[in-house]
mmCIF file of all heavy atoms, coordinates in Angstrom:
data_MODEL
# 
_entry.id   MODEL 
# 
loop_
_atom_site.group_PDB 
_atom_site.id 
_atom_site.type_symbol 
_atom_site.label_atom_id 
_atom_site.label_alt_id 
_atom_site.label_comp_id 
_atom_site.label_asym_id 
_atom_site.label_entity_id 
_atom_site.label_seq_id 
_atom_site.pdbx_PDB_ins_code 
_atom_site.Cartn_x 
_atom_site.Cartn_y 
_atom_site.Cartn_z 
_atom_site.occupancy 
_atom_site.B_iso_or_equiv 
_atom_site.pdbx_formal_charge 
_atom_site.auth_seq_id 
_atom_site.auth_comp_id 
_atom_site.auth_asym_id 
_atom_site.auth_atom_id 
_atom_site.pdbx_PDB_model_num 
ATOM 1   N N   . GLU A 1 1  ? 0.803  -1.220 0.000   1.00 0.00 ? 1  GLU A N   1 
ATOM 2   C CA  . GLU A 1 1  ? 0.000  0.000  0.000   1.00 0.00 ? 1  GLU A CA  1 
ATOM 3   C C   . GLU A 1 1  ? 0.838  1.273  0.000   1.00 0.00 ? 1  GLU A C   1 
ATOM 4   O O   . GLU A 1 1  ? 0.323  2.345  -0.265  1.00 0.00 ? 1  GLU A O   1 
ATOM 5   C CB  . GLU A 1 1  ? -0.932 0.032  1.212   1.00 0.00 ? 1  GLU A CB  1 
ATOM 6   C CG  . GLU A 1 1  ? -2.122 -0.895 1.092   1.00 0.00 ? 1  GLU A CG  1 
ATOM 7   C CD  . GLU A 1 1  ? -3.178 -0.603 2.137   1.00 0.00 ? 1  GLU A CD  1 
ATOM 8   O OE1 . GLU A 1 1  ? -2.920 0.240  3.024   1.00 0.00 ? 1  GLU A OE1 1 
ATOM 9   O OE2 . GLU A 1 1  ? -4.258 -1.195 2.063   1.00 0.00 ? 1  GLU A OE2 1 
ATOM 10  N N   . LEU A 1 2  ? 2.115  1.181  0.332   1.00 0.00 ? 2  LEU A N   1 
ATOM 11  C CA  . LEU A 1 2  ? 2.947  2.374  0.457   1.00 0.00 ? 2  LEU A CA  1 
ATOM 12  C C   . LEU A 1 2  ? 3.323  2.886  -0.925  1.00 0.00 ? 2  LEU A C   1 
ATOM 13  O O   . LEU A 1 2  ? 3.843  2.162  -1.765  1.00 0.00 ? 2  LEU A O   1 
ATOM 14  C CB  . LEU A 1 2  ? 4.201  2.025  1.254   1.00 0.00 ? 2  LEU A CB  1 
ATOM 15  C CG  . LEU A 1 2  ? 4.893  3.185  1.969   1.00 0.00 ? 2  LEU A CG  1 
ATOM 16  C CD1 . LEU A 1 2  ? 3.928  3.937  2.852   1.00 0.00 ? 2  LEU A CD1 1 
ATOM 17  C CD2 . LEU A 1 2  ? 6.055  2.656  2.796   1.00 0.00 ? 2  LEU A CD2 1 
ATOM 18  N N   . ARG A 1 3  ? 3.048  4.175  -1.178  1.00 0.00 ? 3  ARG A N   1 
ATOM 19  C CA  . ARG A 1 3  ? 3.276  4.798  -2.477  1.00 0.00 ? 3  ARG A CA  1 
ATOM 20  C C   . ARG A 1 3  ? 3.948  6.153  -2.281  1.00 0.00 ? 3  ARG A C   1 
ATOM 21  O O   . ARG A 1 3  ? 3.828  6.779  -1.236  1.00 0.00 ? 3  ARG A O   1 
ATOM 22  C CB  . ARG A 1 3  ? 1.956  5.002  -3.229  1.00 0.00 ? 3  ARG A CB  1 
ATOM 23  C CG  . ARG A 1 3  ? 1.165  3.741  -3.513  1.00 0.00 ? 3  ARG A CG  1 
ATOM 24  C CD  . ARG A 1 3  ? 1.780  2.946  -4.660  1.00 0.00 ? 3  ARG A CD  1 
ATOM 25  N NE  . ARG A 1 3  ? 0.948  1.810  -5.045  1.00 0.00 ? 3  ARG A NE  1 
ATOM 26  C CZ  . ARG A 1 3  ? 1.047  0.606  -4.510  1.00 0.00 ? 3  ARG A CZ  1 
ATOM 27  N NH1 . ARG A 1 3  ? 1.943  0.383  -3.555  1.00 0.00 ? 3  ARG A NH1 1 
ATOM 28  N NH2 . ARG A 1 3  ? 0.264  -0.382 -4.925  1.00 0.00 ? 3  ARG A NH2 1 
ATOM 29  N N   . VAL A 1 4  ? 4.628  6.614  -3.324  1.00 0.00 ? 4  VAL A N   1 
ATOM 30  C CA  . VAL A 1 4  ? 5.192  7.960  -3.313  1.00 0.00 ? 4  VAL A CA  1 
ATOM 31  C C   . VAL A 1 4  ? 4.921  8.614  -4.655  1.00 0.00 ? 4  VAL A C   1 
ATOM 32  O O   . VAL A 1 4  ? 5.004  7.986  -5.709  1.00 0.00 ? 4  VAL A O   1 
ATOM 33  C CB  . VAL A 1 4  ? 6.711  7.949  -3.011  1.00 0.00 ? 4  VAL A CB  1 
ATOM 34  C CG1 . VAL A 1 4  ? 7.507  7.225  -4.095  1.00 0.00 ? 4  VAL A CG1 1 
ATOM 35  C CG2 . VAL A 1 4  ? 7.228  9.370  -2.816  1.00 0.00 ? 4  VAL A CG2 1 
ATOM 36  N N   . GLN A 1 5  ? 4.550  9.888  -4.614  1.00 0.00 ? 5  GLN A N   1 
ATOM 37  C CA  . GLN A 1 5  ? 4.360  10.696 -5.818  1.00 0.00 ? 5  GLN A CA  1 
ATOM 38  C C   . GLN A 1 5  ? 5.433  11.767 -5.819  1.00 0.00 ? 5  GLN A C   1 
ATOM 39  O O   . GLN A 1 5  ? 5.660  12.437 -4.810  1.00 0.00 ? 5  GLN A O   1 
ATOM 40  C CB  . GLN A 1 5  ? 2.965  11.330 -5.825  1.00 0.00 ? 5  GLN A CB  1 
ATOM 41  C CG  . GLN A 1 5  ? 2.624  12.052 -7.121  1.00 0.00 ? 5  GLN A CG  1 
ATOM 42  C CD  . GLN A 1 5  ? 1.158  12.457 -7.179  1.00 0.00 ? 5  GLN A CD  1 
ATOM 43  O OE1 . GLN A 1 5  ? 0.292  11.781 -6.616  1.00 0.00 ? 5  GLN A OE1 1 
ATOM 44  N NE2 . GLN A 1 5  ? 0.867  13.555 -7.862  1.00 0.00 ? 5  GLN A NE2 1 
ATOM 45  N N   . LEU A 1 6  ? 6.108  11.935 -6.965  1.00 0.00 ? 6  LEU A N   1 
ATOM 46  C CA  . LEU A 1 6  ? 7.302  12.768 -7.024  1.00 0.00 ? 6  LEU A CA  1 
ATOM 47  C C   . LEU A 1 6  ? 7.100  14.071 -7.783  1.00 0.00 ? 6  LEU A C   1 
ATOM 48  O O   . LEU A 1 6  ? 7.985  14.927 -7.796  1.00 0.00 ? 6  LEU A O   1 
ATOM 49  C CB  . LEU A 1 6  ? 8.449  11.970 -7.659  1.00 0.00 ? 6  LEU A CB  1 
ATOM 50  C CG  . LEU A 1 6  ? 8.758  10.640 -6.966  1.00 0.00 ? 6  LEU A CG  1 
ATOM 51  C CD1 . LEU A 1 6  ? 9.752  9.830  -7.777  1.00 0.00 ? 6  LEU A CD1 1 
ATOM 52  C CD2 . LEU A 1 6  ? 9.303  10.882 -5.558  1.00 0.00 ? 6  LEU A CD2 1 
ATOM 53  N N   . ARG A 1 7  ? 5.965  14.233 -8.440  1.00 0.00 ? 7  ARG A N   1 
ATOM 54  C CA  . ARG A 1 7  ? 5.617  15.467 -9.143  1.00 0.00 ? 7  ARG A CA  1 
ATOM 55  C C   . ARG A 1 7  ? 4.100  15.631 -9.106  1.00 0.00 ? 7  ARG A C   1 
ATOM 56  O O   . ARG A 1 7  ? 3.363  14.650 -9.004  1.00 0.00 ? 7  ARG A O   1 
ATOM 57  C CB  . ARG A 1 7  ? 6.071  15.436 -10.613 1.00 0.00 ? 7  ARG A CB  1 
ATOM 58  C CG  . ARG A 1 7  ? 7.546  15.700 -10.845 1.00 0.00 ? 7  ARG A CG  1 
ATOM 59  C CD  . ARG A 1 7  ? 7.852  15.732 -12.329 1.00 0.00 ? 7  ARG A CD  1 
ATOM 60  N NE  . ARG A 1 7  ? 9.252  15.985 -12.619 1.00 0.00 ? 7  ARG A NE  1 
ATOM 61  C CZ  . ARG A 1 7  ? 9.792  17.181 -12.759 1.00 0.00 ? 7  ARG A CZ  1 
ATOM 62  N NH1 . ARG A 1 7  ? 9.037  18.254 -12.634 1.00 0.00 ? 7  ARG A NH1 1 
ATOM 63  N NH2 . ARG A 1 7  ? 11.068 17.329 -13.030 1.00 0.00 ? 7  ARG A NH2 1 
ATOM 64  N N   . ALA A 1 8  ? 3.640  16.855 -9.229  1.00 0.00 ? 8  ALA A N   1 
ATOM 65  C CA  . ALA A 1 8  ? 2.205  17.084 -9.320  1.00 0.00 ? 8  ALA A CA  1 
ATOM 66  C C   . ALA A 1 8  ? 1.678  16.379 -10.565 1.00 0.00 ? 8  ALA A C   1 
ATOM 67  O O   . ALA A 1 8  ? 2.236  16.524 -11.657 1.00 0.00 ? 8  ALA A O   1 
ATOM 68  C CB  . ALA A 1 8  ? 1.915  18.576 -9.390  1.00 0.00 ? 8  ALA A CB  1 
ATOM 69  N N   . HIS A 1 9  ? 0.643  15.589 -10.406 1.00 0.00 ? 9  HIS A N   1 
ATOM 70  C CA  . HIS A 1 9  ? 0.029  14.820 -11.489 1.00 0.00 ? 9  HIS A CA  1 
ATOM 71  C C   . HIS A 1 9  ? 1.013  13.842 -12.129 1.00 0.00 ? 9  HIS A C   1 
ATOM 72  O O   . HIS A 1 9  ? 0.828  13.413 -13.265 1.00 0.00 ? 9  HIS A O   1 
ATOM 73  C CB  . HIS A 1 9  ? -0.555 15.749 -12.560 1.00 0.00 ? 9  HIS A CB  1 
ATOM 74  C CG  . HIS A 1 9  ? -1.488 16.781 -12.005 1.00 0.00 ? 9  HIS A CG  1 
ATOM 75  N ND1 . HIS A 1 9  ? -2.667 16.455 -11.387 1.00 0.00 ? 9  HIS A ND1 1 
ATOM 76  C CD2 . HIS A 1 9  ? -1.390 18.137 -11.947 1.00 0.00 ? 9  HIS A CD2 1 
ATOM 77  C CE1 . HIS A 1 9  ? -3.276 17.556 -10.979 1.00 0.00 ? 9  HIS A CE1 1 
ATOM 78  N NE2 . HIS A 1 9  ? -2.524 18.589 -11.299 1.00 0.00 ? 9  HIS A NE2 1 
ATOM 79  N N   . GLY A 1 10 ? 2.071  13.493 -11.389 1.00 0.00 ? 10 GLY A N   1 
ATOM 80  C CA  . GLY A 1 10 ? 3.049  12.534 -11.897 1.00 0.00 ? 10 GLY A CA  1 
ATOM 81  C C   . GLY A 1 10 ? 2.671  11.108 -11.526 1.00 0.00 ? 10 GLY A C   1 
ATOM 82  O O   . GLY A 1 10 ? 1.667  10.849 -10.850 1.00 0.00 ? 10 GLY A O   1 
ATOM 83  N N   . GLU A 1 11 ? 3.509  10.181 -11.975 1.00 0.00 ? 11 GLU A N   1 
ATOM 84  C CA  . GLU A 1 11 ? 3.277  8.769  -11.672 1.00 0.00 ? 11 GLU A CA  1 
ATOM 85  C C   . GLU A 1 11 ? 3.417  8.510  -10.175 1.00 0.00 ? 11 GLU A C   1 
ATOM 86  O O   . GLU A 1 11 ? 4.059  9.260  -9.444  1.00 0.00 ? 11 GLU A O   1 
ATOM 87  C CB  . GLU A 1 11 ? 4.290  7.895  -12.418 1.00 0.00 ? 11 GLU A CB  1 
ATOM 88  C CG  . GLU A 1 11 ? 3.949  7.611  -13.863 1.00 0.00 ? 11 GLU A CG  1 
ATOM 89  C CD  . GLU A 1 11 ? 4.837  6.515  -14.429 1.00 0.00 ? 11 GLU A CD  1 
ATOM 90  O OE1 . GLU A 1 11 ? 4.592  5.327  -14.112 1.00 0.00 ? 11 GLU A OE1 1 
ATOM 91  O OE2 . GLU A 1 11 ? 5.771  6.843  -15.163 1.00 0.00 ? 11 GLU A OE2 1 
ATOM 92  N N   . VAL A 1 12 ? 2.818  7.414  -9.741  1.00 0.00 ? 12 VAL A N   1 
ATOM 93  C CA  . VAL A 1 12 ? 2.909  6.978  -8.351  1.00 0.00 ? 12 VAL A CA  1 
ATOM 94  C C   . VAL A 1 12 ? 3.700  5.673  -8.326  1.00 0.00 ? 12 VAL A C   1 
ATOM 95  O O   . VAL A 1 12 ? 3.489  4.789  -9.155  1.00 0.00 ? 12 VAL A O   1 
ATOM 96  C CB  . VAL A 1 12 ? 1.506  6.769  -7.752  1.00 0.00 ? 12 VAL A CB  1 
ATOM 97  C CG1 . VAL A 1 12 ? 1.607  6.264  -6.327  1.00 0.00 ? 12 VAL A CG1 1 
ATOM 98  C CG2 . VAL A 1 12 ? 0.718  8.075  -7.804  1.00 0.00 ? 12 VAL A CG2 1 
ATOM 99  N N   . TYR A 1 13 ? 4.626  5.567  -7.361  1.00 0.00 ? 13 TYR A N   1 
ATOM 100 C CA  . TYR A 1 13 ? 5.528  4.416  -7.298  1.00 0.00 ? 13 TYR A CA  1 
ATOM 101 C C   . TYR A 1 13 ? 5.383  3.713  -5.957  1.00 0.00 ? 13 TYR A C   1 
ATOM 102 O O   . TYR A 1 13 ? 5.301  4.366  -4.911  1.00 0.00 ? 13 TYR A O   1 
ATOM 103 C CB  . TYR A 1 13 ? 6.990  4.863  -7.460  1.00 0.00 ? 13 TYR A CB  1 
ATOM 104 C CG  . TYR A 1 13 ? 7.279  5.515  -8.788  1.00 0.00 ? 13 TYR A CG  1 
ATOM 105 C CD1 . TYR A 1 13 ? 7.041  6.871  -8.991  1.00 0.00 ? 13 TYR A CD1 1 
ATOM 106 C CD2 . TYR A 1 13 ? 7.787  4.777  -9.859  1.00 0.00 ? 13 TYR A CD2 1 
ATOM 107 C CE1 . TYR A 1 13 ? 7.294  7.479  -10.213 1.00 0.00 ? 13 TYR A CE1 1 
ATOM 108 C CE2 . TYR A 1 13 ? 8.041  5.374  -11.084 1.00 0.00 ? 13 TYR A CE2 1 
ATOM 109 C CZ  . TYR A 1 13 ? 7.795  6.722  -11.251 1.00 0.00 ? 13 TYR A CZ  1 
ATOM 110 O OH  . TYR A 1 13 ? 8.042  7.322  -12.469 1.00 0.00 ? 13 TYR A OH  1 
ATOM 111 N N   . GLY A 1 14 ? 5.394  2.382  -5.994  1.00 0.00 ? 14 GLY A N   1 
ATOM 112 C CA  . GLY A 1 14 ? 5.507  1.632  -4.765  1.00 0.00 ? 14 GLY A CA  1 
ATOM 113 C C   . GLY A 1 14 ? 6.874  1.886  -4.152  1.00 0.00 ? 14 GLY A C   1 
ATOM 114 O O   . GLY A 1 14 ? 7.850  2.112  -4.868  1.00 0.00 ? 14 GLY A O   1 
ATOM 115 N N   . CYS A 1 15 ? 6.959  1.880  -2.840  1.00 0.00 ? 15 CYS A N   1 
ATOM 116 C CA  . CYS A 1 15 ? 8.240  2.226  -2.210  1.00 0.00 ? 15 CYS A CA  1 
ATOM 117 C C   . CYS A 1 15 ? 8.295  1.719  -0.780  1.00 0.00 ? 15 CYS A C   1 
ATOM 118 O O   . CYS A 1 15 ? 7.310  1.233  -0.221  1.00 0.00 ? 15 CYS A O   1 
ATOM 119 C CB  . CYS A 1 15 ? 8.428  3.751  -2.217  1.00 0.00 ? 15 CYS A CB  1 
ATOM 120 S SG  . CYS A 1 15 ? 7.311  4.631  -1.085  1.00 0.00 ? 15 CYS A SG  1 
ATOM 121 N N   . HIS A 1 16 ? 9.448  1.840  -0.194  1.00 0.00 ? 16 HIS A N   1 
ATOM 122 C CA  . HIS A 1 16 ? 9.601  1.819  1.252   1.00 0.00 ? 16 HIS A CA  1 
ATOM 123 C C   . HIS A 1 16 ? 10.581 2.914  1.611   1.00 0.00 ? 16 HIS A C   1 
ATOM 124 O O   . HIS A 1 16 ? 11.324 3.396  0.755   1.00 0.00 ? 16 HIS A O   1 
ATOM 125 C CB  . HIS A 1 16 ? 10.042 0.438  1.768   1.00 0.00 ? 16 HIS A CB  1 
ATOM 126 C CG  . HIS A 1 16 ? 11.402 0.007  1.306   1.00 0.00 ? 16 HIS A CG  1 
ATOM 127 N ND1 . HIS A 1 16 ? 11.606 -0.657 0.113   1.00 0.00 ? 16 HIS A ND1 1 
ATOM 128 C CD2 . HIS A 1 16 ? 12.627 0.162  1.867   1.00 0.00 ? 16 HIS A CD2 1 
ATOM 129 C CE1 . HIS A 1 16 ? 12.895 -0.921 -0.034  1.00 0.00 ? 16 HIS A CE1 1 
ATOM 130 N NE2 . HIS A 1 16 ? 13.541 -0.423 1.023   1.00 0.00 ? 16 HIS A NE2 1 
ATOM 131 N N   . PHE A 1 17 ? 10.557 3.345  2.842   1.00 0.00 ? 17 PHE A N   1 
ATOM 132 C CA  . PHE A 1 17 ? 11.415 4.466  3.217   1.00 0.00 ? 17 PHE A CA  1 
ATOM 133 C C   . PHE A 1 17 ? 11.839 4.339  4.664   1.00 0.00 ? 17 PHE A C   1 
ATOM 134 O O   . PHE A 1 17 ? 11.219 3.633  5.460   1.00 0.00 ? 17 PHE A O   1 
ATOM 135 C CB  . PHE A 1 17 ? 10.706 5.806  2.962   1.00 0.00 ? 17 PHE A CB  1 
ATOM 136 C CG  . PHE A 1 17 ? 9.412  5.987  3.700   1.00 0.00 ? 17 PHE A CG  1 
ATOM 137 C CD1 . PHE A 1 17 ? 9.348  6.721  4.870   1.00 0.00 ? 17 PHE A CD1 1 
ATOM 138 C CD2 . PHE A 1 17 ? 8.241  5.427  3.203   1.00 0.00 ? 17 PHE A CD2 1 
ATOM 139 C CE1 . PHE A 1 17 ? 8.156  6.893  5.538   1.00 0.00 ? 17 PHE A CE1 1 
ATOM 140 C CE2 . PHE A 1 17 ? 7.041  5.598  3.858   1.00 0.00 ? 17 PHE A CE2 1 
ATOM 141 C CZ  . PHE A 1 17 ? 6.993  6.343  5.035   1.00 0.00 ? 17 PHE A CZ  1 
ATOM 142 N N   . GLU A 1 18 ? 12.903 5.043  4.990   1.00 0.00 ? 18 GLU A N   1 
ATOM 143 C CA  . GLU A 1 18 ? 13.427 5.007  6.345   1.00 0.00 ? 18 GLU A CA  1 
ATOM 144 C C   . GLU A 1 18 ? 14.014 6.351  6.714   1.00 0.00 ? 18 GLU A C   1 
ATOM 145 O O   . GLU A 1 18 ? 14.393 7.144  5.846   1.00 0.00 ? 18 GLU A O   1 
ATOM 146 C CB  . GLU A 1 18 ? 14.498 3.919  6.473   1.00 0.00 ? 18 GLU A CB  1 
ATOM 147 C CG  . GLU A 1 18 ? 15.631 4.055  5.481   1.00 0.00 ? 18 GLU A CG  1 
ATOM 148 C CD  . GLU A 1 18 ? 16.505 2.808  5.424   1.00 0.00 ? 18 GLU A CD  1 
ATOM 149 O OE1 . GLU A 1 18 ? 16.023 1.743  5.831   1.00 0.00 ? 18 GLU A OE1 1 
ATOM 150 O OE2 . GLU A 1 18 ? 17.646 2.915  4.975   1.00 0.00 ? 18 GLU A OE2 1 
ATOM 151 N N   . GLU A 1 19 ? 14.040 6.605  7.997   1.00 0.00 ? 19 GLU A N   1 
ATOM 152 C CA  . GLU A 1 19 ? 14.571 7.857  8.516   1.00 0.00 ? 19 GLU A CA  1 
ATOM 153 C C   . GLU A 1 19 ? 16.094 7.768  8.582   1.00 0.00 ? 19 GLU A C   1 
ATOM 154 O O   . GLU A 1 19 ? 16.652 6.799  9.094   1.00 0.00 ? 19 GLU A O   1 
ATOM 155 C CB  . GLU A 1 19 ? 13.998 8.098  9.906   1.00 0.00 ? 19 GLU A CB  1 
ATOM 156 C CG  . GLU A 1 19 ? 14.064 9.524  10.375  1.00 0.00 ? 19 GLU A CG  1 
ATOM 157 C CD  . GLU A 1 19 ? 13.284 9.705  11.660  1.00 0.00 ? 19 GLU A CD  1 
ATOM 158 O OE1 . GLU A 1 19 ? 13.041 8.702  12.362  1.00 0.00 ? 19 GLU A OE1 1 
ATOM 159 O OE2 . GLU A 1 19 ? 12.936 10.851 11.974  1.00 0.00 ? 19 GLU A OE2 1 
ATOM 160 N N   . VAL A 1 20 ? 16.755 8.800  8.056   1.00 0.00 ? 20 VAL A N   1 
ATOM 161 C CA  . VAL A 1 20 ? 18.217 8.866  8.084   1.00 0.00 ? 20 VAL A CA  1 
ATOM 162 C C   . VAL A 1 20 ? 18.601 10.266 8.562   1.00 0.00 ? 20 VAL A C   1 
ATOM 163 O O   . VAL A 1 20 ? 18.434 11.238 7.825   1.00 0.00 ? 20 VAL A O   1 
ATOM 164 C CB  . VAL A 1 20 ? 18.827 8.582  6.696   1.00 0.00 ? 20 VAL A CB  1 
ATOM 165 C CG1 . VAL A 1 20 ? 20.350 8.673  6.761   1.00 0.00 ? 20 VAL A CG1 1 
ATOM 166 C CG2 . VAL A 1 20 ? 18.392 7.216  6.176   1.00 0.00 ? 20 VAL A CG2 1 
ATOM 167 N N   . GLY A 1 21 ? 19.094 10.365 9.778   1.00 0.00 ? 21 GLY A N   1 
ATOM 168 C CA  . GLY A 1 21 ? 19.389 11.684 10.332  1.00 0.00 ? 21 GLY A CA  1 
ATOM 169 C C   . GLY A 1 21 ? 18.125 12.517 10.419  1.00 0.00 ? 21 GLY A C   1 
ATOM 170 O O   . GLY A 1 21 ? 17.102 12.081 10.956  1.00 0.00 ? 21 GLY A O   1 
ATOM 171 N N   . ASP A 1 22 ? 18.175 13.723 9.855   1.00 0.00 ? 22 ASP A N   1 
ATOM 172 C CA  . ASP A 1 22 ? 17.006 14.607 9.857   1.00 0.00 ? 22 ASP A CA  1 
ATOM 173 C C   . ASP A 1 22 ? 16.155 14.455 8.599   1.00 0.00 ? 22 ASP A C   1 
ATOM 174 O O   . ASP A 1 22 ? 15.212 15.229 8.385   1.00 0.00 ? 22 ASP A O   1 
ATOM 175 C CB  . ASP A 1 22 ? 17.452 16.073 9.979   1.00 0.00 ? 22 ASP A CB  1 
ATOM 176 C CG  . ASP A 1 22 ? 18.105 16.358 11.314  1.00 0.00 ? 22 ASP A CG  1 
ATOM 177 O OD1 . ASP A 1 22 ? 17.725 15.701 12.302  1.00 0.00 ? 22 ASP A OD1 1 
ATOM 178 O OD2 . ASP A 1 22 ? 18.994 17.225 11.360  1.00 0.00 ? 22 ASP A OD2 1 
ATOM 179 N N   . GLY A 1 23 ? 16.494 13.481 7.749   1.00 0.00 ? 23 GLY A N   1 
ATOM 180 C CA  . GLY A 1 23 ? 15.769 13.328 6.495   1.00 0.00 ? 23 GLY A CA  1 
ATOM 181 C C   . GLY A 1 23 ? 15.271 11.916 6.280   1.00 0.00 ? 23 GLY A C   1 
ATOM 182 O O   . GLY A 1 23 ? 15.127 11.132 7.216   1.00 0.00 ? 23 GLY A O   1 
ATOM 183 N N   . LEU A 1 24 ? 15.000 11.608 5.008   1.00 0.00 ? 24 LEU A N   1 
ATOM 184 C CA  . LEU A 1 24 ? 14.477 10.302 4.634   1.00 0.00 ? 24 LEU A CA  1 
ATOM 185 C C   . LEU A 1 24 ? 15.257 9.738  3.464   1.00 0.00 ? 24 LEU A C   1 
ATOM 186 O O   . LEU A 1 24 ? 15.775 10.484 2.631   1.00 0.00 ? 24 LEU A O   1 
ATOM 187 C CB  . LEU A 1 24 ? 13.009 10.400 4.201   1.00 0.00 ? 24 LEU A CB  1 
ATOM 188 C CG  . LEU A 1 24 ? 11.970 10.896 5.182   1.00 0.00 ? 24 LEU A CG  1 
ATOM 189 C CD1 . LEU A 1 24 ? 10.625 10.989 4.476   1.00 0.00 ? 24 LEU A CD1 1 
ATOM 190 C CD2 . LEU A 1 24 ? 11.887 9.977  6.374   1.00 0.00 ? 24 LEU A CD2 1 
ATOM 191 N N   . ARG A 1 25 ? 15.313 8.428  3.391   1.00 0.00 ? 25 ARG A N   1 
ATOM 192 C CA  . ARG A 1 25 ? 15.780 7.757  2.196   1.00 0.00 ? 25 ARG A CA  1 
ATOM 193 C C   . ARG A 1 25 ? 14.626 6.896  1.681   1.00 0.00 ? 25 ARG A C   1 
ATOM 194 O O   . ARG A 1 25 ? 14.122 6.029  2.390   1.00 0.00 ? 25 ARG A O   1 
ATOM 195 C CB  . ARG A 1 25 ? 17.008 6.882  2.469   1.00 0.00 ? 25 ARG A CB  1 
ATOM 196 C CG  . ARG A 1 25 ? 17.520 6.193  1.182   1.00 0.00 ? 25 ARG A CG  1 
ATOM 197 C CD  . ARG A 1 25 ? 18.886 5.547  1.370   1.00 0.00 ? 25 ARG A CD  1 
ATOM 198 N NE  . ARG A 1 25 ? 18.891 4.580  2.427   1.00 0.00 ? 25 ARG A NE  1 
ATOM 199 C CZ  . ARG A 1 25 ? 19.643 4.662  3.528   1.00 0.00 ? 25 ARG A CZ  1 
ATOM 200 N NH1 . ARG A 1 25 ? 20.425 5.717  3.723   1.00 0.00 ? 25 ARG A NH1 1 
ATOM 201 N NH2 . ARG A 1 25 ? 19.602 3.721  4.463   1.00 0.00 ? 25 ARG A NH2 1 
ATOM 202 N N   . ILE A 1 26 ? 14.201 7.174  0.452   1.00 0.00 ? 26 ILE A N   1 
ATOM 203 C CA  . ILE A 1 26 ? 13.075 6.465  -0.158  1.00 0.00 ? 26 ILE A CA  1 
ATOM 204 C C   . ILE A 1 26 ? 13.616 5.527  -1.230  1.00 0.00 ? 26 ILE A C   1 
ATOM 205 O O   . ILE A 1 26 ? 14.390 5.946  -2.091  1.00 0.00 ? 26 ILE A O   1 
ATOM 206 C CB  . ILE A 1 26 ? 12.079 7.456  -0.798  1.00 0.00 ? 26 ILE A CB  1 
ATOM 207 C CG1 . ILE A 1 26 ? 11.541 8.423  0.262   1.00 0.00 ? 26 ILE A CG1 1 
ATOM 208 C CG2 . ILE A 1 26 ? 10.930 6.714  -1.470  1.00 0.00 ? 26 ILE A CG2 1 
ATOM 209 C CD1 . ILE A 1 26 ? 10.686 9.537  -0.315  1.00 0.00 ? 26 ILE A CD1 1 
ATOM 210 N N   . THR A 1 27 ? 13.243 4.282  -1.177  1.00 0.00 ? 27 THR A N   1 
ATOM 211 C CA  . THR A 1 27 ? 13.649 3.297  -2.186  1.00 0.00 ? 27 THR A CA  1 
ATOM 212 C C   . THR A 1 27 ? 12.414 2.892  -2.981  1.00 0.00 ? 27 THR A C   1 
ATOM 213 O O   . THR A 1 27 ? 11.411 2.455  -2.409  1.00 0.00 ? 27 THR A O   1 
ATOM 214 C CB  . THR A 1 27 ? 14.286 2.062  -1.533  1.00 0.00 ? 27 THR A CB  1 
ATOM 215 O OG1 . THR A 1 27 ? 15.402 2.473  -0.735  1.00 0.00 ? 27 THR A OG1 1 
ATOM 216 C CG2 . THR A 1 27 ? 14.772 1.097  -2.604  1.00 0.00 ? 27 THR A CG2 1 
ATOM 217 N N   . LEU A 1 28 ? 12.497 3.059  -4.311  1.00 0.00 ? 28 LEU A N   1 
ATOM 218 C CA  . LEU A 1 28 ? 11.368 2.775  -5.187  1.00 0.00 ? 28 LEU A CA  1 
ATOM 219 C C   . LEU A 1 28 ? 11.347 1.316  -5.610  1.00 0.00 ? 28 LEU A C   1 
ATOM 220 O O   . LEU A 1 28 ? 12.401 0.687  -5.766  1.00 0.00 ? 28 LEU A O   1 
ATOM 221 C CB  . LEU A 1 28 ? 11.442 3.660  -6.438  1.00 0.00 ? 28 LEU A CB  1 
ATOM 222 C CG  . LEU A 1 28 ? 11.574 5.171  -6.213  1.00 0.00 ? 28 LEU A CG  1 
ATOM 223 C CD1 . LEU A 1 28 ? 11.651 5.888  -7.564  1.00 0.00 ? 28 LEU A CD1 1 
ATOM 224 C CD2 . LEU A 1 28 ? 10.411 5.707  -5.390  1.00 0.00 ? 28 LEU A CD2 1 
ATOM 225 N N   . ASP A 1 29 ? 10.141 0.795  -5.854  1.00 0.00 ? 29 ASP A N   1 
ATOM 226 C CA  . ASP A 1 29 ? 9.994  -0.579 -6.318  1.00 0.00 ? 29 ASP A CA  1 
ATOM 227 C C   . ASP A 1 29 ? 10.388 -0.735 -7.781  1.00 0.00 ? 29 ASP A C   1 
ATOM 228 O O   . ASP A 1 29 ? 10.706 -1.835 -8.233  1.00 0.00 ? 29 ASP A O   1 
ATOM 229 C CB  . ASP A 1 29 ? 8.547  -1.042 -6.137  1.00 0.00 ? 29 ASP A CB  1 
ATOM 230 C CG  . ASP A 1 29 ? 8.171  -1.199 -4.681  1.00 0.00 ? 29 ASP A CG  1 
ATOM 231 O OD1 . ASP A 1 29 ? 9.075  -1.123 -3.824  1.00 0.00 ? 29 ASP A OD1 1 
ATOM 232 O OD2 . ASP A 1 29 ? 6.967  -1.376 -4.391  1.00 0.00 ? 29 ASP A OD2 1 
# 
């Protein structure tokens, strides 16, 4: 169920993500 959208009206990608320091690292399917 986890998805990420990278642009307005752009494609949606399955992903998983994790917290790294003060940010995130997102890995796409």
